[in-house]
Amino acid sequence: MTISETRPDELPLTMTPAPRAPRPRIAVIVLTQCTRPTELTRALASVRAQEGVDAHLVLLVNGAAPPDPAPVDQLLVLPENVGIPAGRNIAAAACDADVLVFLDDDAELQGTNHLAAILARFDADPELGAMAVRIVDEQGSTQRRHVPRVGGGSADRSGAVTHFIGATCAVRAEAFMDLGGFDPRFFYAMEESDLAWRLLDHRWSIWYSADLTSYHPRTLPSRHPDHVRLQARNRMWMAWRSLPAPLLLAYLLTWLLVPALRREPVREVLAGYREGWADRPVRHPMRWRTVATMTRLGRPPVL
């Protein structure tokens, strides 16, 4: 995705109506700017290859000309790039399914039973709010930043976690809609973590399935020139909205120190913090019970 911010307010939307069919239990949403046609073709094919489930495939073109033809059930076309969170919200609102799966346009489901397995887990656990799968690269490895736990040594261990990775993830539609979906202001980065905190605080759980895998090429956040500032701004918004006062400063200091240790420009972090502070969201601090749950799961909300 090109990082070029456009507010999603009142944008006209072109869409092809979904064909009349039985209501799907699961919908797969793919956002694209049509800059990776080969990868997009593979992503859509990996959805079409799924067995044991009737998935509704939605493609949202975010500020670009749509592919022709588009082998999907529903095509949504936005005239401007509204960002990843807003684009996914728009696509989700156009669906009528129990479970929403978000798949990057350069990701591929690595098995033909994955959607059926995801749906079965949501059916088995009525408190499950979101689900992550294992992200693997060209070497079959999982990057540390794609492991939804502290550190990168537990990529092959399934279990309850405190957040999920957006490259391939699933969210219960009821929970997603009740919480207003992703924060559209985030545009890029941290929107999944922000939603995860809100899900946990509303007593939904998050599960990581290491036995289900999705391919995503090895990439670095630095490929986006504004990633440090945007991440810092979004962390400020997330922390201000959701963290109790005693944890707020600790979180922001932690994520000032981490970029410094990574030799990222601290001035960009501070610029992001200033930008976020100038336009703060309404505060809804999470309950201390949620803090305790996250701590028990190995990631207190200061990390």
C-alpha atoms as a PDB file:
ATOM      1  CA  MET A   1       0.000   0.000   0.000  1.00  0.00           C
ATOM      2  CA  THR A   2       1.250   3.479  -0.803  1.00  0.00           C
ATOM      3  CA  ILE A   3       1.226   5.641   2.301  1.00  0.00           C
ATOM      4  CA  SER A   4      -0.631   8.727   1.116  1.00  0.00           C
ATOM      5  CA  GLU A   5      -3.333   9.767   3.494  1.00  0.00           C
ATOM      6  CA  THR A   6      -6.863  10.576   2.372  1.00  0.00           C
ATOM      7  CA  ARG A   7      -9.774  10.916   4.757  1.00  0.00           C
ATOM      8  CA  PRO A   8     -12.523   8.407   3.905  1.00  0.00           C
ATOM      9  CA  ASP A   9     -15.337  10.888   4.584  1.00  0.00           C
ATOM     10  CA  GLU A  10     -18.107  10.895   1.994  1.00  0.00           C
ATOM     11  CA  LEU A  11     -16.082   9.198  -0.738  1.00  0.00           C
ATOM     12  CA  PRO A  12     -18.194   7.857  -3.607  1.00  0.00           C
ATOM     13  CA  LEU A  13     -18.110   4.101  -3.894  1.00  0.00           C
ATOM     14  CA  THR A  14     -18.518   1.968  -6.988  1.00  0.00           C
ATOM     15  CA  MET A  15     -19.556  -1.601  -6.381  1.00  0.00           C
ATOM     16  CA  THR A  16     -20.933  -4.570  -8.188  1.00  0.00           C
ATOM     17  CA  PRO A  17     -23.890  -6.044  -6.320  1.00  0.00           C
ATOM     18  CA  ALA A  18     -23.345  -9.426  -4.741  1.00  0.00           C
ATOM     19  CA  PRO A  19     -25.201 -12.162  -6.643  1.00  0.00           C
ATOM     20  CA  ARG A  20     -28.232 -13.656  -4.972  1.00  0.00           C
ATOM     21  CA  ALA A  21     -27.099 -16.753  -3.131  1.00  0.00           C
ATOM     22  CA  PRO A  22     -27.468 -18.416   0.269  1.00  0.00           C
ATOM     23  CA  ARG A  23     -26.015 -16.289   3.061  1.00  0.00           C
ATOM     24  CA  PRO A  24     -22.322 -17.195   3.474  1.00  0.00           C
ATOM     25  CA  ARG A  25     -20.992 -18.088   6.901  1.00  0.00           C
ATOM     26  CA  ILE A  26     -17.555 -16.662   6.143  1.00  0.00           C
ATOM     27  CA  ALA A  27     -16.364 -13.778   3.958  1.00  0.00           C
ATOM     28  CA  VAL A  28     -12.795 -13.168   2.795  1.00  0.00           C
ATOM     29  CA  ILE A  29     -11.828  -9.523   2.237  1.00  0.00           C
ATOM     30  CA  VAL A  30      -8.814  -8.604   0.094  1.00  0.00           C
ATOM     31  CA  LEU A  31      -7.664  -4.984  -0.312  1.00  0.00           C
ATOM     32  CA  THR A  32      -5.512  -4.030  -3.275  1.00  0.00           C
ATOM     33  CA  GLN A  33      -4.157  -1.110  -5.247  1.00  0.00           C
ATOM     34  CA  CYS A  34      -3.497  -3.443  -8.188  1.00  0.00           C
ATOM     35  CA  THR A  35       0.274  -2.908  -7.999  1.00  0.00           C
ATOM     36  CA  ARG A  36       1.000  -6.639  -7.537  1.00  0.00           C
ATOM     37  CA  PRO A  37      -1.153  -8.440 -10.118  1.00  0.00           C
ATOM     38  CA  THR A  38       0.686 -11.768  -9.910  1.00  0.00           C
ATOM     39  CA  GLU A  39       0.512 -11.883  -6.117  1.00  0.00           C
ATOM     40  CA  LEU A  40      -3.124 -10.789  -6.169  1.00  0.00           C
ATOM     41  CA  THR A  41      -4.015 -13.602  -8.554  1.00  0.00           C
ATOM     42  CA  ARG A  42      -2.385 -16.108  -6.217  1.00  0.00           C
ATOM     43  CA  ALA A  43      -4.122 -14.650  -3.167  1.00  0.00           C
ATOM     44  CA  LEU A  44      -7.551 -14.939  -4.780  1.00  0.00           C
ATOM     45  CA  ALA A  45      -6.778 -18.432  -6.081  1.00  0.00           C
ATOM     46  CA  SER A  46      -5.845 -19.590  -2.575  1.00  0.00           C
ATOM     47  CA  VAL A  47      -9.315 -18.547  -1.405  1.00  0.00           C
ATOM     48  CA  ARG A  48     -11.053 -20.220  -4.339  1.00  0.00           C
ATOM     49  CA  ALA A  49      -9.154 -23.445  -3.565  1.00  0.00           C
ATOM     50  CA  GLN A  50     -10.722 -23.771  -0.100  1.00  0.00           C
ATOM     51  CA  GLU A  51     -12.802 -26.870   0.536  1.00  0.00           C
ATOM     52  CA  GLY A  52     -15.636 -27.634   2.929  1.00  0.00           C
ATOM     53  CA  VAL A  53     -16.911 -24.064   3.137  1.00  0.00           C
ATOM     54  CA  ASP A  54     -18.759 -21.640   0.879  1.00  0.00           C
ATOM     55  CA  ALA A  55     -16.722 -18.452   1.224  1.00  0.00           C
ATOM     56  CA  HIS A  56     -17.856 -15.065  -0.085  1.00  0.00           C
ATOM     57  CA  LEU A  57     -14.824 -13.413  -1.704  1.00  0.00           C
ATOM     58  CA  VAL A  58     -14.750  -9.597  -1.639  1.00  0.00           C
ATOM     59  CA  LEU A  59     -12.121  -7.510  -3.427  1.00  0.00           C
ATOM     60  CA  LEU A  60     -11.827  -3.822  -2.529  1.00  0.00           C
ATOM     61  CA  VAL A  61      -9.734  -1.730  -4.912  1.00  0.00           C
ATOM     62  CA  ASN A  62      -8.329   1.134  -2.870  1.00  0.00           C
ATOM     63  CA  GLY A  63      -7.883   4.113  -5.193  1.00  0.00           C
ATOM     64  CA  ALA A  64      -6.940   2.354  -8.432  1.00  0.00           C
ATOM     65  CA  ALA A  65      -8.465   0.891 -11.576  1.00  0.00           C
ATOM     66  CA  PRO A  66      -9.936  -2.571 -10.895  1.00  0.00           C
ATOM     67  CA  PRO A  67      -8.471  -5.688 -12.520  1.00  0.00           C
ATOM     68  CA  ASP A  68     -10.312  -7.062 -15.523  1.00  0.00           C
ATOM     69  CA  PRO A  69     -11.685  -9.573 -15.027  1.00  0.00           C
ATOM     70  CA  ALA A  70     -11.996  -9.769 -11.229  1.00  0.00           C
ATOM     71  CA  PRO A  71     -12.763 -13.401 -10.260  1.00  0.00           C
ATOM     72  CA  VAL A  72     -14.597 -12.487  -7.058  1.00  0.00           C
ATOM     73  CA  ASP A  73     -18.112 -12.549  -5.645  1.00  0.00           C
ATOM     74  CA  GLN A  74     -18.174  -8.833  -4.882  1.00  0.00           C
ATOM     75  CA  LEU A  75     -16.052  -6.007  -6.239  1.00  0.00           C
ATOM     76  CA  LEU A  76     -15.805  -2.644  -4.447  1.00  0.00           C
ATOM     77  CA  VAL A  77     -13.922   0.249  -6.030  1.00  0.00           C
ATOM     78  CA  LEU A  78     -12.898   3.405  -4.156  1.00  0.00           C
ATOM     79  CA  PRO A  79     -11.756   6.432  -6.176  1.00  0.00           C
ATOM     80  CA  GLU A  80      -9.149   7.340  -3.544  1.00  0.00           C
ATOM     81  CA  ASN A  81      -6.858   5.408  -1.247  1.00  0.00           C
ATOM     82  CA  VAL A  82      -8.533   5.646   2.161  1.00  0.00           C
ATOM     83  CA  GLY A  83      -5.974   3.442   3.894  1.00  0.00           C
ATOM     84  CA  ILE A  84      -6.053  -0.119   5.111  1.00  0.00           C
ATOM     85  CA  PRO A  85      -8.350   0.225   8.179  1.00  0.00           C
ATOM     86  CA  ALA A  86     -11.018   2.313   6.442  1.00  0.00           C
ATOM     87  CA  GLY A  87     -10.915   0.128   3.349  1.00  0.00           C
ATOM     88  CA  ARG A  88     -11.412  -3.012   5.384  1.00  0.00           C
ATOM     89  CA  ASN A  89     -14.265  -1.391   7.303  1.00  0.00           C
ATOM     90  CA  ILE A  90     -16.031  -0.485   4.064  1.00  0.00           C
ATOM     91  CA  ALA A  91     -15.659  -4.009   2.716  1.00  0.00           C
ATOM     92  CA  ALA A  92     -16.818  -5.533   6.004  1.00  0.00           C
ATOM     93  CA  ALA A  93     -19.934  -3.358   6.005  1.00  0.00           C
ATOM     94  CA  ALA A  94     -20.804  -4.711   2.561  1.00  0.00           C
ATOM     95  CA  CYS A  95     -20.673  -8.320   3.776  1.00  0.00           C
ATOM     96  CA  ASP A  96     -23.264 -10.424   5.542  1.00  0.00           C
ATOM     97  CA  ALA A  97     -21.312 -13.222   7.177  1.00  0.00           C
ATOM     98  CA  ASP A  98     -20.577 -14.559  10.648  1.00  0.00           C
ATOM     99  CA  VAL A  99     -16.783 -14.458  10.285  1.00  0.00           C
ATOM    100  CA  LEU A 100     -14.652 -11.918   8.401  1.00  0.00           C
ATOM    101  CA  VAL A 101     -11.249 -13.024   7.113  1.00  0.00           C
ATOM    102  CA  PHE A 102      -8.793 -10.298   6.055  1.00  0.00           C
ATOM    103  CA  LEU A 103      -6.115 -11.375   3.574  1.00  0.00           C
ATOM    104  CA  ASP A 104      -3.339  -9.166   2.197  1.00  0.00           C
ATOM    105  CA  ASP A 105      -3.144  -9.029  -1.588  1.00  0.00           C
ATOM    106  CA  ASP A 106       0.344 -10.581  -1.470  1.00  0.00           C
ATOM    107  CA  ALA A 107      -0.583 -13.351   0.983  1.00  0.00           C
ATOM    108  CA  GLU A 108      -1.763 -16.898   0.244  1.00  0.00           C
ATOM    109  CA  LEU A 109      -3.553 -19.459   2.385  1.00  0.00           C
ATOM    110  CA  GLN A 110      -1.274 -22.496   2.548  1.00  0.00           C
ATOM    111  CA  GLY A 111      -3.899 -25.221   2.822  1.00  0.00           C
ATOM    112  CA  THR A 112      -7.277 -25.994   1.299  1.00  0.00           C
ATOM    113  CA  ASN A 113      -8.930 -26.569   4.692  1.00  0.00           C
ATOM    114  CA  HIS A 114      -7.984 -23.297   6.393  1.00  0.00           C
ATOM    115  CA  LEU A 115     -11.276 -21.432   6.089  1.00  0.00           C
ATOM    116  CA  ALA A 116     -13.233 -24.476   7.241  1.00  0.00           C
ATOM    117  CA  ALA A 117     -10.901 -24.820  10.249  1.00  0.00           C
ATOM    118  CA  ILE A 118     -11.261 -21.117  11.095  1.00  0.00           C
ATOM    119  CA  LEU A 119     -15.039 -21.291  10.925  1.00  0.00           C
ATOM    120  CA  ALA A 120     -15.081 -24.452  13.067  1.00  0.00           C
ATOM    121  CA  ARG A 121     -13.039 -22.762  15.803  1.00  0.00           C
ATOM    122  CA  PHE A 122     -15.366 -19.760  15.920  1.00  0.00           C
ATOM    123  CA  ASP A 123     -18.364 -22.110  16.069  1.00  0.00           C
ATOM    124  CA  ALA A 124     -16.768 -24.085  18.910  1.00  0.00           C
ATOM    125  CA  ASP A 125     -15.910 -21.033  21.022  1.00  0.00           C
ATOM    126  CA  PRO A 126     -18.659 -18.397  21.277  1.00  0.00           C
ATOM    127  CA  GLU A 127     -16.276 -16.068  23.161  1.00  0.00           C
ATOM    128  CA  LEU A 128     -13.679 -16.068  20.387  1.00  0.00           C
ATOM    129  CA  GLY A 129     -13.401 -12.566  18.939  1.00  0.00           C
ATOM    130  CA  ALA A 130     -10.397 -12.821  16.606  1.00  0.00           C
ATOM    131  CA  MET A 131      -7.991 -15.408  15.306  1.00  0.00           C
ATOM    132  CA  ALA A 132      -4.478 -15.294  13.879  1.00  0.00           C
ATOM    133  CA  VAL A 133      -2.658 -17.843  11.754  1.00  0.00           C
ATOM    134  CA  ARG A 134       1.046 -18.443  11.343  1.00  0.00           C
ATOM    135  CA  ILE A 135       2.654 -16.211   8.709  1.00  0.00           C
ATOM    136  CA  VAL A 136       5.544 -17.845   6.834  1.00  0.00           C
ATOM    137  CA  ASP A 137       7.961 -16.379   4.296  1.00  0.00           C
ATOM    138  CA  GLU A 138       9.876 -17.747   1.315  1.00  0.00           C
ATOM    139  CA  GLN A 139      12.016 -19.938   3.577  1.00  0.00           C
ATOM    140  CA  GLY A 140       9.076 -21.204   5.591  1.00  0.00           C
ATOM    141  CA  SER A 141      10.164 -19.038   8.543  1.00  0.00           C
ATOM    142  CA  THR A 142       8.099 -16.622  10.597  1.00  0.00           C
ATOM    143  CA  GLN A 143       9.473 -13.125  11.097  1.00  0.00           C
ATOM    144  CA  ARG A 144       9.693 -12.054  14.707  1.00  0.00           C
ATOM    145  CA  ARG A 145       7.258  -9.189  14.133  1.00  0.00           C
ATOM    146  CA  HIS A 146       4.663 -11.696  12.866  1.00  0.00           C
ATOM    147  CA  VAL A 147       4.625 -13.700  16.100  1.00  0.00           C
ATOM    148  CA  PRO A 148       1.763 -12.433  18.304  1.00  0.00           C
ATOM    149  CA  ARG A 149       3.790 -12.869  21.495  1.00  0.00           C
ATOM    150  CA  VAL A 150       6.837 -11.208  23.010  1.00  0.00           C
ATOM    151  CA  GLY A 151       9.897 -12.561  21.230  1.00  0.00           C
ATOM    152  CA  GLY A 152       9.948 -14.728  18.134  1.00  0.00           C
ATOM    153  CA  GLY A 153      10.528 -18.176  19.584  1.00  0.00           C
ATOM    154  CA  SER A 154       6.936 -19.355  19.843  1.00  0.00           C
ATOM    155  CA  ALA A 155       5.769 -19.182  16.231  1.00  0.00           C
ATOM    156  CA  ASP A 156       4.976 -22.901  16.211  1.00  0.00           C
ATOM    157  CA  ARG A 157       2.882 -22.879  19.424  1.00  0.00           C
ATOM    158  CA  SER A 158      -0.871 -22.332  19.262  1.00  0.00           C
ATOM    159  CA  GLY A 159      -2.743 -20.682  22.097  1.00  0.00           C
ATOM    160  CA  ALA A 160      -4.469 -17.620  23.458  1.00  0.00           C
ATOM    161  CA  VAL A 161      -2.695 -14.338  22.641  1.00  0.00           C
ATOM    162  CA  THR A 162      -3.215 -10.599  23.096  1.00  0.00           C
ATOM    163  CA  HIS A 163      -3.148  -9.419  19.476  1.00  0.00           C
ATOM    164  CA  PHE A 164      -3.215 -10.631  15.889  1.00  0.00           C
ATOM    165  CA  ILE A 165      -1.404  -9.927  12.638  1.00  0.00           C
ATOM    166  CA  GLY A 166      -3.449  -8.322   9.886  1.00  0.00           C
ATOM    167  CA  ALA A 167      -1.757 -10.013   6.889  1.00  0.00           C
ATOM    168  CA  THR A 168      -4.101 -12.958   7.433  1.00  0.00           C
ATOM    169  CA  CYS A 169      -6.579 -12.851  10.285  1.00  0.00           C
ATOM    170  CA  ALA A 170     -10.205 -13.561  11.136  1.00  0.00           C
ATOM    171  CA  VAL A 171     -12.642 -11.573  13.268  1.00  0.00           C
ATOM    172  CA  ARG A 172     -16.131 -12.421  14.454  1.00  0.00           C
ATOM    173  CA  ALA A 173     -18.418 -10.073  12.504  1.00  0.00           C
ATOM    174  CA  GLU A 174     -20.634  -9.382  15.532  1.00  0.00           C
ATOM    175  CA  ALA A 175     -17.667  -8.212  17.604  1.00  0.00           C
ATOM    176  CA  PHE A 176     -16.147  -6.271  14.722  1.00  0.00           C
ATOM    177  CA  MET A 177     -19.329  -4.327  14.046  1.00  0.00           C
ATOM    178  CA  ASP A 178     -20.161  -3.746  17.718  1.00  0.00           C
ATOM    179  CA  LEU A 179     -16.747  -2.148  18.263  1.00  0.00           C
ATOM    180  CA  GLY A 180     -16.867  -0.065  15.092  1.00  0.00           C
ATOM    181  CA  GLY A 181     -14.208  -2.096  13.298  1.00  0.00           C
ATOM    182  CA  PHE A 182     -10.715  -0.736  12.793  1.00  0.00           C
ATOM    183  CA  ASP A 183     -10.059   2.915  13.596  1.00  0.00           C
ATOM    184  CA  PRO A 184     -10.103   4.501  10.111  1.00  0.00           C
ATOM    185  CA  ARG A 185      -7.818   7.350  11.220  1.00  0.00           C
ATOM    186  CA  PHE A 186      -4.900   4.939  11.626  1.00  0.00           C
ATOM    187  CA  PHE A 187      -4.547   4.644   7.822  1.00  0.00           C
ATOM    188  CA  TYR A 188      -1.556   2.305   8.145  1.00  0.00           C
ATOM    189  CA  ALA A 189      -0.063   0.327  11.058  1.00  0.00           C
ATOM    190  CA  MET A 190      -1.252  -0.664  14.539  1.00  0.00           C
ATOM    191  CA  GLU A 191      -4.955  -0.928  13.665  1.00  0.00           C
ATOM    192  CA  GLU A 192      -5.016  -4.644  14.547  1.00  0.00           C
ATOM    193  CA  SER A 193      -3.383  -4.060  17.934  1.00  0.00           C
ATOM    194  CA  ASP A 194      -5.843  -1.272  18.682  1.00  0.00           C
ATOM    195  CA  LEU A 195      -8.808  -3.503  17.819  1.00  0.00           C
ATOM    196  CA  ALA A 196      -7.290  -6.388  19.802  1.00  0.00           C
ATOM    197  CA  TRP A 197      -7.123  -4.271  22.969  1.00  0.00           C
ATOM    198  CA  ARG A 198     -10.758  -3.265  22.532  1.00  0.00           C
ATOM    199  CA  LEU A 199     -11.829  -6.863  21.869  1.00  0.00           C
ATOM    200  CA  LEU A 200     -10.094  -8.106  25.013  1.00  0.00           C
ATOM    201  CA  ASP A 201     -11.618  -5.335  27.106  1.00  0.00           C
ATOM    202  CA  HIS A 202     -15.079  -6.413  25.905  1.00  0.00           C
ATOM    203  CA  ARG A 203     -14.331  -9.979  27.049  1.00  0.00           C
ATOM    204  CA  TRP A 204     -13.635 -11.448  23.625  1.00  0.00           C
ATOM    205  CA  SER A 205     -10.647 -13.783  23.331  1.00  0.00           C
ATOM    206  CA  ILE A 206      -7.955 -13.996  20.625  1.00  0.00           C
ATOM    207  CA  TRP A 207      -6.479 -17.303  19.404  1.00  0.00           C
ATOM    208  CA  TYR A 208      -3.308 -18.041  17.450  1.00  0.00           C
ATOM    209  CA  SER A 209      -3.375 -21.207  15.308  1.00  0.00           C
ATOM    210  CA  ALA A 210       0.163 -22.229  14.420  1.00  0.00           C
ATOM    211  CA  ASP A 211      -1.135 -25.236  12.470  1.00  0.00           C
ATOM    212  CA  LEU A 212      -2.797 -22.945   9.896  1.00  0.00           C
ATOM    213  CA  THR A 213      -0.314 -21.071   7.747  1.00  0.00           C
ATOM    214  CA  SER A 214      -0.396 -18.217   5.283  1.00  0.00           C
ATOM    215  CA  TYR A 215       2.452 -17.260   2.994  1.00  0.00           C
ATOM    216  CA  HIS A 216       3.562 -13.635   3.016  1.00  0.00           C
ATOM    217  CA  PRO A 217       6.849 -12.474   1.472  1.00  0.00           C
ATOM    218  CA  ARG A 218       9.522 -11.300   3.878  1.00  0.00           C
ATOM    219  CA  THR A 219       9.247  -7.539   4.155  1.00  0.00           C
ATOM    220  CA  LEU A 220      10.383  -4.746   6.451  1.00  0.00           C
ATOM    221  CA  PRO A 221       8.286  -1.831   7.718  1.00  0.00           C
ATOM    222  CA  SER A 222      11.042   0.477   6.474  1.00  0.00           C
ATOM    223  CA  ARG A 223       9.803  -0.043   2.904  1.00  0.00           C
ATOM    224  CA  HIS A 224       7.261   2.647   3.795  1.00  0.00           C
ATOM    225  CA  PRO A 225       9.109   5.956   4.231  1.00  0.00           C
ATOM    226  CA  ASP A 226       6.702   7.275   6.894  1.00  0.00           C
ATOM    227  CA  HIS A 227       6.355   4.091   8.924  1.00  0.00           C
ATOM    228  CA  VAL A 228       8.155   5.349  12.067  1.00  0.00           C
ATOM    229  CA  ARG A 229       6.037   8.486  12.351  1.00  0.00           C
ATOM    230  CA  LEU A 230       2.763   6.712  11.553  1.00  0.00           C
ATOM    231  CA  GLN A 231       3.415   3.900  14.005  1.00  0.00           C
ATOM    232  CA  ALA A 232       4.270   6.413  16.727  1.00  0.00           C
ATOM    233  CA  ARG A 233       1.190   8.535  16.012  1.00  0.00           C
ATOM    234  CA  ASN A 234      -1.059   5.486  16.067  1.00  0.00           C
ATOM    235  CA  ARG A 235       0.531   4.190  19.266  1.00  0.00           C
ATOM    236  CA  MET A 236      -0.253   7.535  20.876  1.00  0.00           C
ATOM    237  CA  TRP A 237      -3.896   7.285  19.776  1.00  0.00           C
ATOM    238  CA  MET A 238      -4.151   3.672  20.907  1.00  0.00           C
ATOM    239  CA  ALA A 239      -2.513   4.290  24.266  1.00  0.00           C
ATOM    240  CA  TRP A 240      -4.454   7.479  24.987  1.00  0.00           C
ATOM    241  CA  ARG A 241      -7.765   5.815  24.239  1.00  0.00           C
ATOM    242  CA  SER A 242      -7.247   2.472  25.944  1.00  0.00           C
ATOM    243  CA  LEU A 243      -4.597   2.574  28.672  1.00  0.00           C
ATOM    244  CA  PRO A 244      -5.205   3.434  32.336  1.00  0.00           C
ATOM    245  CA  ALA A 245      -3.254   6.523  33.347  1.00  0.00           C
ATOM    246  CA  PRO A 246      -0.470   4.680  35.269  1.00  0.00           C
ATOM    247  CA  LEU A 247       0.352   2.612  32.148  1.00  0.00           C
ATOM    248  CA  LEU A 248       0.055   5.337  29.553  1.00  0.00           C
ATOM    249  CA  LEU A 249       3.427   6.980  30.143  1.00  0.00           C
ATOM    250  CA  ALA A 250       5.182   3.610  30.583  1.00  0.00           C
ATOM    251  CA  TYR A 251       3.890   2.413  27.198  1.00  0.00           C
ATOM    252  CA  LEU A 252       4.928   5.554  25.355  1.00  0.00           C
ATOM    253  CA  LEU A 253       8.382   5.528  26.970  1.00  0.00           C
ATOM    254  CA  THR A 254       8.834   1.854  26.044  1.00  0.00           C
ATOM    255  CA  TRP A 255       8.032   2.600  22.407  1.00  0.00           C
ATOM    256  CA  LEU A 256      10.381   5.564  22.434  1.00  0.00           C
ATOM    257  CA  LEU A 257      13.199   3.348  23.679  1.00  0.00           C
ATOM    258  CA  VAL A 258      12.577   0.413  21.300  1.00  0.00           C
ATOM    259  CA  PRO A 259      12.978   2.484  18.104  1.00  0.00           C
ATOM    260  CA  ALA A 260      16.119   4.026  19.575  1.00  0.00           C
ATOM    261  CA  LEU A 261      17.568   0.546  20.130  1.00  0.00           C
ATOM    262  CA  ARG A 262      16.622  -0.328  16.554  1.00  0.00           C
ATOM    263  CA  ARG A 263      18.478   2.804  15.399  1.00  0.00           C
ATOM    264  CA  GLU A 264      15.309   4.299  13.994  1.00  0.00           C
ATOM    265  CA  PRO A 265      15.070   8.112  14.042  1.00  0.00           C
ATOM    266  CA  VAL A 266      13.767   9.107  17.469  1.00  0.00           C
ATOM    267  CA  ARG A 267      12.803  12.519  16.093  1.00  0.00           C
ATOM    268  CA  GLU A 268      10.254  10.741  13.864  1.00  0.00           C
ATOM    269  CA  VAL A 269       8.823   8.960  16.918  1.00  0.00           C
ATOM    270  CA  LEU A 270       8.494  12.265  18.749  1.00  0.00           C
ATOM    271  CA  ALA A 271       6.891  13.845  15.662  1.00  0.00           C
ATOM    272  CA  GLY A 272       4.351  11.015  15.604  1.00  0.00           C
ATOM    273  CA  TYR A 273       3.635  11.423  19.316  1.00  0.00           C
ATOM    274  CA  ARG A 274       3.081  15.167  18.830  1.00  0.00           C
ATOM    275  CA  GLU A 275       0.758  14.556  15.910  1.00  0.00           C
ATOM    276  CA  GLY A 276      -1.237  11.992  17.857  1.00  0.00           C
ATOM    277  CA  TRP A 277      -1.411  14.199  20.960  1.00  0.00           C
ATOM    278  CA  ALA A 278      -2.769  17.110  18.930  1.00  0.00           C
ATOM    279  CA  ASP A 279      -5.751  15.034  17.739  1.00  0.00           C
ATOM    280  CA  ARG A 280      -6.416  12.657  20.629  1.00  0.00           C
ATOM    281  CA  PRO A 281      -9.426  10.321  20.598  1.00  0.00           C
ATOM    282  CA  VAL A 282     -11.944  10.062  23.423  1.00  0.00           C
ATOM    283  CA  ARG A 283     -10.532   8.043  26.328  1.00  0.00           C
ATOM    284  CA  HIS A 284     -12.043   4.665  27.213  1.00  0.00           C
ATOM    285  CA  PRO A 285      -9.391   3.129  29.501  1.00  0.00           C
ATOM    286  CA  MET A 286      -9.405  -0.646  29.630  1.00  0.00           C
ATOM    287  CA  ARG A 287     -10.378  -2.390  32.840  1.00  0.00           C
ATOM    288  CA  TRP A 288      -7.638  -3.575  35.159  1.00  0.00           C
ATOM    289  CA  ARG A 289      -9.070  -7.052  34.650  1.00  0.00           C
ATOM    290  CA  THR A 290      -8.044  -6.734  30.998  1.00  0.00           C
ATOM    291  CA  VAL A 291      -4.551  -5.636  32.032  1.00  0.00           C
ATOM    292  CA  ALA A 292      -4.325  -8.712  34.255  1.00  0.00           C
ATOM    293  CA  THR A 293      -5.490 -10.985  31.421  1.00  0.00           C
ATOM    294  CA  MET A 294      -2.915  -9.570  29.024  1.00  0.00           C
ATOM    295  CA  THR A 295      -0.186  -9.908  31.631  1.00  0.00           C
ATOM    296  CA  ARG A 296      -1.153 -13.533  32.283  1.00  0.00           C
ATOM    297  CA  LEU A 297      -0.926 -14.191  28.536  1.00  0.00           C
ATOM    298  CA  GLY A 298       2.611 -12.846  28.490  1.00  0.00           C
ATOM    299  CA  ARG A 299       2.182  -9.360  27.052  1.00  0.00           C
ATOM    300  CA  PRO A 300       1.158  -6.656  29.520  1.00  0.00           C
ATOM    301  CA  PRO A 301       0.024  -3.504  27.720  1.00  0.00           C
ATOM    302  CA  VAL A 302       3.290  -1.669  28.214  1.00  0.00           C
ATOM    303  CA  LEU A 303       5.073  -3.811  25.582  1.00  0.00           C
END
